[in-house]
Amino acid sequence: MSQNYTIYGGPLSYFSRKLQAAMIFYGADFTFAEKRQNDSELIETRSGTHQVPVLHTPENWMIADTTPIIRMLDTRFPGREMFPPGPLGILTHILEEYFDEWIARTMVHYRWHYKESAEFASMAIALGDQRAAATVRGWGPRACRATGTESEIQQEQAELEYIRIVEAMDEQLQESRYLLGDRPSAVDCIVLGGLWAHTNNDPTPKKMMANYPRVTDWADSAADWDGSGELVPFPESTTFANFILNEIRGTYLPFVMANCAAVKAGAKAFHANIYGEAVSFLTRAYPEQSRQMILHAIEQLVSDEQYLVADWLASKKLATCFGE
């Protein structure tokens, strides 16, 4: 049986590039194929989703959802795992979820609220077809409304939040090779996905990123990993990790808990207080599913590790979200 994997996705896709980064770090034999240029209907039927990426495995599976895909692949590439074992794996998963489920909206905002970026991305997605590109641009603002970046306050604050993240990255990369230490993790995968697909790529955020050459250079070279290095242990972790945990309290935590309540109530939409403003969001099942993945991972720890994680979550004021 061939050991080749195929990622069906797109070069401008946040999560496709996240999975690509992971496959590079694994040293896996894989190809990256654009879904639209292949049999999209078959891929969607077999994977059960229209979303990208979809991973075609050597067993002839077609599977979606990058976080469980990476957890599965960790078992196949020992010594190169993207989620470390034990409590450090919980810390890594929480940080990864923030970038997966919260910063994704900032990527959508940068791409579709700025004319230059919207035209650039839509033409690339539509392979230069002007009519198809116009249809794609019509989708963008709807995605922005659904993810709560319609108001000027949210747009401005989302950008400032991302700039704070980039500045924290810049500082961390002066101390370590990667964001959680001297080897990559799932956090590096999703951050690189954003840089490769969006902010180092789309015209508007690319201008901002020019102010951070250390980060852009890292994005170009980070995939060149020789398999060495260690992550900073739990619970200390890195300065970058602790910065993100502080950011989560003010933005992602109120969002995800309000979404959780809306899912349970069967509501189609909900409001959450973000940056001092009551913001409307479309209720989505996946952020709650993702939160439950973390709760399940905590349950799988041995009892002593569960106590350590519980104390740590309380100290970070995140127990209401991840300490059930």
Protein backbone atom coordinates (compact mmCIF):
# COMPACT_ATOMS: atom_id res chain seq x y z
CA MET A 1 0.00 0.00 0.00
CA SER A 2 1.31 3.44 -0.94
CA GLN A 3 2.11 5.73 1.99
CA ASN A 4 1.23 8.85 0.02
CA TYR A 5 -1.38 11.23 1.42
CA THR A 6 -3.27 13.85 -0.59
CA ILE A 7 -4.59 17.11 0.84
CA TYR A 8 -7.54 18.36 -1.17
CA GLY A 9 -7.83 22.05 -0.39
CA GLY A 10 -6.81 25.45 -1.61
CA PRO A 11 -3.71 27.64 -1.28
CA LEU A 12 -5.82 30.52 0.10
CA SER A 13 -7.50 28.29 2.70
CA TYR A 14 -6.56 28.84 6.36
CA PHE A 15 -7.15 25.23 7.36
CA SER A 16 -5.72 23.68 4.20
CA ARG A 17 -2.44 25.44 4.87
CA LYS A 18 -2.62 24.44 8.56
CA LEU A 19 -2.78 20.77 7.55
CA GLN A 20 -0.05 21.32 4.98
CA ALA A 21 2.23 22.70 7.71
CA ALA A 22 1.54 19.65 9.88
CA MET A 23 2.31 17.24 7.04
CA ILE A 24 5.59 19.02 6.38
CA PHE A 25 6.52 18.82 10.07
CA TYR A 26 5.70 15.10 10.07
CA GLY A 27 7.99 14.56 7.12
CA ALA A 28 5.05 12.81 5.44
CA ASP A 29 4.91 11.78 1.80
CA PHE A 30 2.02 13.92 0.54
CA THR A 31 0.73 16.02 -2.29
CA PHE A 32 -1.37 19.18 -2.12
CA ALA A 33 -4.14 19.20 -4.71
CA GLU A 34 -6.72 21.90 -5.36
CA LYS A 35 -10.15 20.43 -4.72
CA ARG A 36 -11.85 22.43 -7.48
CA GLN A 37 -9.56 20.91 -10.08
CA ASN A 38 -10.43 17.37 -8.99
CA ASP A 39 -13.67 15.43 -8.50
CA SER A 40 -15.33 17.76 -5.97
CA GLU A 41 -18.60 15.82 -5.86
CA LEU A 42 -16.86 12.53 -5.05
CA ILE A 43 -14.65 14.19 -2.43
CA GLU A 44 -17.66 15.79 -0.74
CA THR A 45 -19.69 12.59 -0.82
CA ARG A 46 -16.91 10.50 0.68
CA SER A 47 -15.80 13.02 3.29
CA GLY A 48 -19.31 14.18 4.20
CA THR A 49 -18.49 17.87 3.87
CA HIS A 50 -18.14 20.62 1.29
CA GLN A 51 -15.44 22.26 3.39
CA VAL A 52 -11.70 21.99 2.88
CA PRO A 53 -9.31 20.48 3.54
CA VAL A 54 -10.03 16.80 3.02
CA LEU A 55 -7.23 14.32 3.60
CA HIS A 56 -7.05 11.22 1.38
CA THR A 57 -5.11 8.62 3.35
CA PRO A 58 -3.13 5.58 2.22
CA GLU A 59 -6.06 3.40 3.40
CA ASN A 60 -8.26 5.23 0.86
CA TRP A 61 -10.12 7.16 3.56
CA MET A 62 -11.28 10.72 2.85
CA ILE A 63 -11.54 12.58 6.14
CA ALA A 64 -12.10 16.18 7.21
CA ASP A 65 -11.57 18.36 10.32
CA THR A 66 -7.94 19.28 10.87
CA THR A 67 -7.72 18.91 14.65
CA PRO A 68 -8.78 15.23 14.84
CA ILE A 69 -6.83 14.57 11.63
CA ILE A 70 -3.66 15.88 13.27
CA ARG A 71 -4.36 13.90 16.45
CA MET A 72 -4.70 10.77 14.31
CA LEU A 73 -1.52 11.51 12.38
CA ASP A 74 0.38 12.05 15.64
CA THR A 75 0.03 8.30 16.23
CA ARG A 76 1.60 7.59 12.83
CA PHE A 77 4.66 9.82 13.17
CA PRO A 78 6.17 9.09 16.61
CA GLY A 79 8.68 11.68 17.75
CA ARG A 80 7.07 14.34 15.55
CA GLU A 81 3.71 14.74 17.32
CA MET A 82 2.01 18.12 17.05
CA PHE A 83 -0.01 17.59 20.25
CA PRO A 84 2.28 16.63 23.14
CA PRO A 85 1.00 14.14 25.73
CA GLY A 86 -0.37 15.04 29.15
CA PRO A 87 -1.25 18.49 30.48
CA LEU A 88 0.98 20.23 27.93
CA GLY A 89 -1.22 18.73 25.23
CA ILE A 90 -4.27 20.40 26.85
CA LEU A 91 -2.51 23.76 26.88
CA THR A 92 -1.57 23.28 23.23
CA HIS A 93 -5.12 22.30 22.29
CA ILE A 94 -6.65 25.36 23.98
CA LEU A 95 -4.27 27.70 22.16
CA GLU A 96 -4.90 25.93 18.87
CA GLU A 97 -8.67 26.22 19.37
CA TYR A 98 -8.39 30.00 19.83
CA PHE A 99 -6.67 30.33 16.46
CA ASP A 100 -9.01 27.80 14.83
CA GLU A 101 -12.31 29.18 16.08
CA TRP A 102 -11.62 32.84 16.87
CA ILE A 103 -8.75 34.27 14.81
CA ALA A 104 -10.29 32.67 11.72
CA ARG A 105 -12.82 35.52 11.79
CA THR A 106 -9.99 38.06 11.60
CA MET A 107 -8.65 36.31 8.50
CA VAL A 108 -12.13 36.52 6.94
CA HIS A 109 -12.38 40.21 7.84
CA TYR A 110 -9.01 41.13 6.35
CA ARG A 111 -9.86 39.32 3.13
CA TRP A 112 -13.41 40.52 2.46
CA HIS A 113 -13.72 43.97 4.03
CA TYR A 114 -10.89 45.48 1.98
CA LYS A 115 -11.52 45.94 -1.72
CA GLU A 116 -7.95 45.24 -2.84
CA SER A 117 -7.77 41.98 -0.88
CA ALA A 118 -11.29 40.91 -1.87
CA GLU A 119 -10.55 41.38 -5.56
CA PHE A 120 -7.21 39.61 -5.27
CA ALA A 121 -8.60 36.61 -3.38
CA SER A 122 -11.81 36.26 -5.39
CA MET A 123 -9.94 36.28 -8.70
CA ALA A 124 -7.51 33.66 -7.41
CA ILE A 125 -10.31 31.46 -6.10
CA ALA A 126 -12.27 31.86 -9.34
CA LEU A 127 -9.20 31.12 -11.50
CA GLY A 128 -9.50 34.53 -13.17
CA ASP A 129 -13.18 34.22 -14.10
CA GLN A 130 -14.62 37.70 -13.48
CA ARG A 131 -18.23 36.54 -13.13
CA ALA A 132 -17.35 33.75 -10.73
CA ALA A 133 -15.12 36.14 -8.78
CA ALA A 134 -18.06 38.51 -8.29
CA THR A 135 -20.08 35.63 -6.85
CA VAL A 136 -17.26 34.79 -4.47
CA ARG A 137 -17.05 38.42 -3.32
CA GLY A 138 -20.76 38.32 -2.55
CA TRP A 139 -20.13 35.48 -0.12
CA GLY A 140 -17.43 37.33 1.81
CA PRO A 141 -19.56 39.97 3.60
CA ARG A 142 -22.05 37.30 4.68
CA ALA A 143 -19.23 35.36 6.29
CA CYS A 144 -18.10 38.52 8.06
CA ARG A 145 -21.61 39.14 9.43
CA ALA A 146 -21.90 35.55 10.62
CA THR A 147 -18.60 35.79 12.50
CA GLY A 148 -19.27 39.17 14.08
CA THR A 149 -17.00 41.62 12.27
CA GLU A 150 -19.67 43.77 10.66
CA SER A 151 -19.24 46.85 12.86
CA GLU A 152 -16.32 49.25 12.58
CA ILE A 153 -15.47 48.67 16.23
CA GLN A 154 -15.14 44.92 15.71
CA GLN A 155 -13.08 45.37 12.56
CA GLU A 156 -10.70 47.80 14.24
CA GLN A 157 -10.36 45.76 17.42
CA ALA A 158 -9.93 42.46 15.56
CA GLU A 159 -7.02 43.97 13.66
CA LEU A 160 -5.48 45.36 16.85
CA GLU A 161 -5.84 41.95 18.48
CA TYR A 162 -4.03 40.32 15.56
CA ILE A 163 -1.28 42.95 15.64
CA ARG A 164 -0.78 42.21 19.34
CA ILE A 165 -0.44 38.53 18.42
CA VAL A 166 2.12 39.26 15.71
CA GLU A 167 4.10 41.45 18.12
CA ALA A 168 4.04 38.64 20.70
CA MET A 169 5.24 36.23 18.00
CA ASP A 170 8.04 38.60 17.10
CA GLU A 171 9.19 38.69 20.73
CA GLN A 172 8.89 34.92 21.18
CA LEU A 173 10.90 34.16 18.06
CA GLN A 174 13.82 35.99 19.63
CA GLU A 175 13.75 33.40 22.43
CA SER A 176 12.80 30.13 20.72
CA ARG A 177 12.64 28.52 17.28
CA TYR A 178 8.88 28.00 17.50
CA LEU A 179 6.00 29.48 19.47
CA LEU A 180 5.89 26.92 22.30
CA GLY A 181 9.58 26.09 22.38
CA ASP A 182 12.31 24.79 20.10
CA ARG A 183 10.13 22.35 18.16
CA PRO A 184 6.80 22.86 16.38
CA SER A 185 3.35 22.06 17.72
CA ALA A 186 -0.23 22.29 16.48
CA VAL A 187 -0.12 25.99 17.43
CA ASP A 188 2.63 26.62 14.89
CA CYS A 189 0.60 24.74 12.27
CA ILE A 190 -2.48 26.96 12.57
CA VAL A 191 -0.47 30.18 12.91
CA LEU A 192 1.48 29.28 9.77
CA GLY A 193 -1.80 28.45 8.03
CA GLY A 194 -2.93 32.01 8.66
CA LEU A 195 0.35 33.53 7.54
CA TRP A 196 0.66 31.41 4.39
CA ALA A 197 -2.96 31.65 3.26
CA HIS A 198 -3.89 35.14 4.45
CA THR A 199 -1.76 37.76 6.15
CA ASN A 200 1.50 37.19 4.28
CA ASN A 201 -0.50 36.70 1.09
CA ASP A 202 -3.47 39.09 0.78
CA PRO A 203 -2.49 42.66 -0.20
CA THR A 204 -3.99 44.54 2.77
CA PRO A 205 -2.61 42.56 5.73
CA LYS A 206 0.62 41.92 3.82
CA LYS A 207 1.38 45.65 4.09
CA MET A 208 0.98 45.44 7.86
CA MET A 209 3.13 42.33 8.07
CA ALA A 210 5.97 44.16 6.33
CA ASN A 211 6.57 45.82 9.71
CA TYR A 212 7.47 42.41 11.20
CA PRO A 213 10.25 40.93 9.07
CA ARG A 214 11.25 38.42 11.76
CA VAL A 215 7.78 36.88 11.62
CA THR A 216 7.59 36.86 7.83
CA ASP A 217 11.06 35.32 7.60
CA TRP A 218 10.03 32.68 10.13
CA ALA A 219 6.97 31.83 8.02
CA ASP A 220 9.30 31.22 5.08
CA SER A 221 11.72 29.01 7.01
CA ALA A 222 9.68 27.39 9.81
CA ALA A 223 8.89 24.27 7.80
CA ASP A 224 12.61 23.41 7.71
CA TRP A 225 12.61 21.36 10.93
CA ASP A 226 15.10 18.56 11.58
CA GLY A 227 13.03 16.83 14.26
CA SER A 228 15.05 18.13 17.21
CA GLY A 229 14.14 20.41 20.11
CA GLU A 230 11.73 20.42 23.05
CA LEU A 231 8.64 22.34 24.05
CA VAL A 232 8.72 24.47 27.20
CA PRO A 233 7.11 22.32 29.93
CA PHE A 234 3.66 22.70 31.47
CA PRO A 235 2.53 24.85 33.21
CA GLU A 236 5.13 27.54 32.52
CA SER A 237 5.11 27.35 28.71
CA THR A 238 6.34 30.33 26.70
CA THR A 239 5.71 34.06 26.97
CA PHE A 240 3.70 33.80 23.74
CA ALA A 241 1.49 31.03 25.12
CA ASN A 242 0.71 32.99 28.28
CA PHE A 243 -0.05 36.09 26.23
CA ILE A 244 -2.59 34.16 24.15
CA LEU A 245 -4.21 32.69 27.27
CA ASN A 246 -4.77 36.26 28.49
CA GLU A 247 -6.31 37.21 25.14
CA ILE A 248 -8.66 34.22 25.29
CA ARG A 249 -10.25 35.47 28.53
CA GLY A 250 -11.39 38.73 27.00
CA THR A 251 -12.60 37.57 23.59
CA TYR A 252 -12.86 33.87 22.86
CA LEU A 253 -14.21 32.84 26.26
CA PRO A 254 -17.35 35.07 26.16
CA PHE A 255 -17.93 34.10 22.53
CA VAL A 256 -17.62 30.35 22.98
CA MET A 257 -19.73 30.24 26.15
CA ALA A 258 -22.50 32.31 24.54
CA ASN A 259 -22.35 30.03 21.49
CA CYS A 260 -22.55 27.01 23.83
CA ALA A 261 -25.73 28.40 25.42
CA ALA A 262 -27.21 29.11 21.98
CA VAL A 263 -26.46 25.58 20.77
CA LYS A 264 -28.15 24.11 23.83
CA ALA A 265 -31.17 26.41 23.39
CA GLY A 266 -31.46 25.67 19.68
CA ALA A 267 -31.11 29.38 18.85
CA LYS A 268 -30.07 30.40 15.35
CA ALA A 269 -28.08 33.42 16.53
CA PHE A 270 -26.82 34.97 19.77
CA HIS A 271 -25.10 38.04 21.18
CA ALA A 272 -21.80 38.19 23.05
CA ASN A 273 -20.02 41.15 24.59
CA ILE A 274 -16.81 41.57 22.60
CA TYR A 275 -14.57 44.63 22.93
CA GLY A 276 -17.32 46.34 24.98
CA GLU A 277 -19.94 45.89 22.28
CA ALA A 278 -22.90 43.50 22.05
CA VAL A 279 -22.11 41.57 18.87
CA SER A 280 -24.44 39.29 16.90
CA PHE A 281 -23.07 35.92 15.80
CA LEU A 282 -24.59 33.06 13.85
CA THR A 283 -24.82 30.02 16.14
CA ARG A 284 -22.44 27.29 15.01
CA ALA A 285 -22.26 23.74 16.26
CA TYR A 286 -18.55 23.30 15.62
CA PRO A 287 -17.07 25.68 18.26
CA GLU A 288 -19.02 23.75 20.89
CA GLN A 289 -17.88 20.44 19.39
CA SER A 290 -14.31 21.71 19.50
CA ARG A 291 -14.68 22.76 23.15
CA GLN A 292 -16.03 19.31 23.96
CA MET A 293 -12.93 17.76 22.34
CA ILE A 294 -10.80 19.58 24.91
CA LEU A 295 -13.05 18.50 27.79
CA HIS A 296 -12.80 14.91 26.55
CA ALA A 297 -9.01 15.16 26.30
CA ILE A 298 -8.88 16.35 29.92
CA GLU A 299 -11.05 13.38 30.96
CA GLN A 300 -8.51 11.03 29.36
CA LEU A 301 -5.70 12.26 31.63
CA VAL A 302 -4.77 10.30 34.74
CA SER A 303 -6.26 11.75 37.92
CA ASP A 304 -3.12 13.57 39.10
CA GLU A 305 -2.81 15.28 35.73
CA GLN A 306 -6.50 16.22 35.80
CA TYR A 307 -5.96 17.98 39.13
CA LEU A 308 -2.94 19.83 37.73
CA VAL A 309 -4.94 20.99 34.72
CA ALA A 310 -7.90 22.01 36.89
CA ASP A 311 -5.66 24.16 39.11
CA TRP A 312 -3.97 25.67 36.08
CA LEU A 313 -7.29 26.50 34.39
CA ALA A 314 -8.50 28.17 37.58
CA SER A 315 -5.28 30.22 37.80
CA LYS A 316 -5.78 31.37 34.21
CA LYS A 317 -9.49 32.12 34.84
CA LEU A 318 -10.50 29.67 32.11
CA ALA A 319 -12.20 27.06 34.30
CA THR A 320 -15.71 28.20 33.32
CA CYS A 321 -14.93 27.27 29.72
CA PHE A 322 -12.67 24.22 29.98
CA GLY A 323 -13.02 23.07 33.60
CA GLU A 324 -16.45 21.42 33.59
